[in-house]
Amino acid sequence: MLSVFGLGVAVTALTAAVLFAIGRPAAPSPLATWVEFSVLRILVAPLLALTFLVCTVLSPSRLSRLVFLAATVMEATASAYGAFVWFVPPLFERP
């Protein structure tokens, strides 16, 4: 049961990453407001990825391990997207 809840939480990370990718250049609107909240969700993703990884290792059954592993991958994907969008562009800027 906890693994299914974790998977539901991980889906929100992917949703936040997609929403941020789509709505970043949006003019002030309700979509822009949701994009601002998605930034907070993406910032929490690395912590949740590590939490789900620990849960994967400690899970007693194979099915719950696979579900937690899927949640870990989703959170890691959102974390990687956030890192790529926020930290890679400054590396290629010329002063």
C-alpha atoms as a PDB file:
ATOM      1  CA  MET A   1       0.000   0.000   0.000  1.00  0.00           C
ATOM      2  CA  LEU A   2       2.819   2.429   0.835  1.00  0.00           C
ATOM      3  CA  SER A   3       4.532   1.651  -2.465  1.00  0.00           C
ATOM      4  CA  VAL A   4       1.415   2.610  -4.423  1.00  0.00           C
ATOM      5  CA  PHE A   5       1.240   5.894  -2.510  1.00  0.00           C
ATOM      6  CA  GLY A   6       4.909   6.481  -3.322  1.00  0.00           C
ATOM      7  CA  LEU A   7       4.214   5.857  -6.985  1.00  0.00           C
ATOM      8  CA  GLY A   8       1.406   8.410  -6.878  1.00  0.00           C
ATOM      9  CA  VAL A   9       3.747  10.964  -5.316  1.00  0.00           C
ATOM     10  CA  ALA A  10       6.360  10.235  -7.986  1.00  0.00           C
ATOM     11  CA  VAL A  11       3.841  10.846 -10.750  1.00  0.00           C
ATOM     12  CA  THR A  12       3.460  14.381  -9.429  1.00  0.00           C
ATOM     13  CA  ALA A  13       7.201  14.911  -9.996  1.00  0.00           C
ATOM     14  CA  LEU A  14       6.894  14.020 -13.664  1.00  0.00           C
ATOM     15  CA  THR A  15       3.786  16.160 -13.928  1.00  0.00           C
ATOM     16  CA  ALA A  16       5.650  19.097 -12.389  1.00  0.00           C
ATOM     17  CA  ALA A  17       8.582  18.660 -14.782  1.00  0.00           C
ATOM     18  CA  VAL A  18       6.295  18.535 -17.823  1.00  0.00           C
ATOM     19  CA  LEU A  19       4.298  21.507 -16.572  1.00  0.00           C
ATOM     20  CA  PHE A  20       7.489  23.488 -16.014  1.00  0.00           C
ATOM     21  CA  ALA A  21       8.752  22.623 -19.506  1.00  0.00           C
ATOM     22  CA  ILE A  22       5.490  23.643 -21.164  1.00  0.00           C
ATOM     23  CA  GLY A  23       4.577  26.702 -19.120  1.00  0.00           C
ATOM     24  CA  ARG A  24       7.904  28.367 -18.475  1.00  0.00           C
ATOM     25  CA  PRO A  25       7.530  30.982 -21.241  1.00  0.00           C
ATOM     26  CA  ALA A  26       3.836  31.564 -20.412  1.00  0.00           C
ATOM     27  CA  ALA A  27       2.469  35.031 -19.790  1.00  0.00           C
ATOM     28  CA  PRO A  28       0.899  35.745 -16.385  1.00  0.00           C
ATOM     29  CA  SER A  29      -1.991  33.318 -16.166  1.00  0.00           C
ATOM     30  CA  PRO A  30      -3.207  30.401 -14.059  1.00  0.00           C
ATOM     31  CA  LEU A  31      -0.723  28.212 -15.948  1.00  0.00           C
ATOM     32  CA  ALA A  32       2.122  30.483 -14.882  1.00  0.00           C
ATOM     33  CA  THR A  33       0.981  30.148 -11.281  1.00  0.00           C
ATOM     34  CA  TRP A  34       1.081  26.361 -11.523  1.00  0.00           C
ATOM     35  CA  VAL A  35       4.551  26.580 -13.074  1.00  0.00           C
ATOM     36  CA  GLU A  36       5.741  28.526 -10.037  1.00  0.00           C
ATOM     37  CA  PHE A  37       4.467  25.768  -7.745  1.00  0.00           C
ATOM     38  CA  SER A  38       6.030  23.070  -9.928  1.00  0.00           C
ATOM     39  CA  VAL A  39       9.454  24.545  -9.173  1.00  0.00           C
ATOM     40  CA  LEU A  40       8.957  23.706  -5.500  1.00  0.00           C
ATOM     41  CA  ARG A  41       7.987  20.139  -6.377  1.00  0.00           C
ATOM     42  CA  ILE A  42      11.060  19.709  -8.571  1.00  0.00           C
ATOM     43  CA  LEU A  43      13.282  20.993  -5.752  1.00  0.00           C
ATOM     44  CA  VAL A  44      11.943  18.277  -3.411  1.00  0.00           C
ATOM     45  CA  ALA A  45      12.498  15.507  -5.990  1.00  0.00           C
ATOM     46  CA  PRO A  46      16.122  14.610  -5.046  1.00  0.00           C
ATOM     47  CA  LEU A  47      15.178  14.061  -1.416  1.00  0.00           C
ATOM     48  CA  LEU A  48      12.224  11.882  -2.381  1.00  0.00           C
ATOM     49  CA  ALA A  49      14.360   9.947  -4.866  1.00  0.00           C
ATOM     50  CA  LEU A  50      16.742   8.996  -2.064  1.00  0.00           C
ATOM     51  CA  THR A  51      13.822   8.127   0.212  1.00  0.00           C
ATOM     52  CA  PHE A  52      12.262   5.863  -2.397  1.00  0.00           C
ATOM     53  CA  LEU A  53      15.643   4.234  -3.029  1.00  0.00           C
ATOM     54  CA  VAL A  54      15.938   3.355   0.661  1.00  0.00           C
ATOM     55  CA  CYS A  55      12.380   2.020   0.595  1.00  0.00           C
ATOM     56  CA  THR A  56      13.286  -0.065  -2.459  1.00  0.00           C
ATOM     57  CA  VAL A  57      16.161  -1.689  -0.610  1.00  0.00           C
ATOM     58  CA  LEU A  58      14.093  -2.342   2.529  1.00  0.00           C
ATOM     59  CA  SER A  59      10.890  -3.589   0.853  1.00  0.00           C
ATOM     60  CA  PRO A  60       9.917  -7.131   1.801  1.00  0.00           C
ATOM     61  CA  SER A  61       8.166  -8.222  -1.405  1.00  0.00           C
ATOM     62  CA  ARG A  62       9.236  -8.179  -5.018  1.00  0.00           C
ATOM     63  CA  LEU A  63       6.204  -6.245  -6.243  1.00  0.00           C
ATOM     64  CA  SER A  64       6.679  -3.417  -3.756  1.00  0.00           C
ATOM     65  CA  ARG A  65      10.388  -3.266  -4.641  1.00  0.00           C
ATOM     66  CA  LEU A  66       9.526  -2.847  -8.313  1.00  0.00           C
ATOM     67  CA  VAL A  67       6.952  -0.147  -7.554  1.00  0.00           C
ATOM     68  CA  PHE A  68       9.400   1.747  -5.344  1.00  0.00           C
ATOM     69  CA  LEU A  69      12.068   1.374  -8.027  1.00  0.00           C
ATOM     70  CA  ALA A  70       9.691   2.916 -10.575  1.00  0.00           C
ATOM     71  CA  ALA A  71       9.017   5.774  -8.145  1.00  0.00           C
ATOM     72  CA  THR A  72      12.769   6.246  -7.662  1.00  0.00           C
ATOM     73  CA  VAL A  73      13.328   6.450 -11.411  1.00  0.00           C
ATOM     74  CA  MET A  74      10.528   8.998 -11.814  1.00  0.00           C
ATOM     75  CA  GLU A  75      11.894  11.196  -9.037  1.00  0.00           C
ATOM     76  CA  ALA A  76      15.435  10.895 -10.392  1.00  0.00           C
ATOM     77  CA  THR A  77      14.170  11.919 -13.825  1.00  0.00           C
ATOM     78  CA  ALA A  78      12.529  15.037 -12.404  1.00  0.00           C
ATOM     79  CA  SER A  79      15.722  15.808 -10.464  1.00  0.00           C
ATOM     80  CA  ALA A  80      17.876  15.401 -13.560  1.00  0.00           C
ATOM     81  CA  TYR A  81      15.566  17.642 -15.561  1.00  0.00           C
ATOM     82  CA  GLY A  82      15.733  20.340 -12.889  1.00  0.00           C
ATOM     83  CA  ALA A  83      19.513  20.109 -12.718  1.00  0.00           C
ATOM     84  CA  PHE A  84      19.802  20.261 -16.488  1.00  0.00           C
ATOM     85  CA  VAL A  85      17.499  23.264 -16.862  1.00  0.00           C
ATOM     86  CA  TRP A  86      18.889  25.296 -13.956  1.00  0.00           C
ATOM     87  CA  PHE A  87      22.593  24.433 -13.793  1.00  0.00           C
ATOM     88  CA  VAL A  88      23.751  23.574 -17.311  1.00  0.00           C
ATOM     89  CA  PRO A  89      22.833  26.816 -19.170  1.00  0.00           C
ATOM     90  CA  PRO A  90      25.086  29.007 -16.981  1.00  0.00           C
ATOM     91  CA  LEU A  91      28.023  26.800 -17.923  1.00  0.00           C
ATOM     92  CA  PHE A  92      27.638  27.751 -21.577  1.00  0.00           C
ATOM     93  CA  GLU A  93      27.062  31.482 -21.122  1.00  0.00           C
ATOM     94  CA  ARG A  94      29.846  33.737 -22.240  1.00  0.00           C
ATOM     95  CA  PRO A  95      30.755  36.614 -19.963  1.00  0.00           C
END
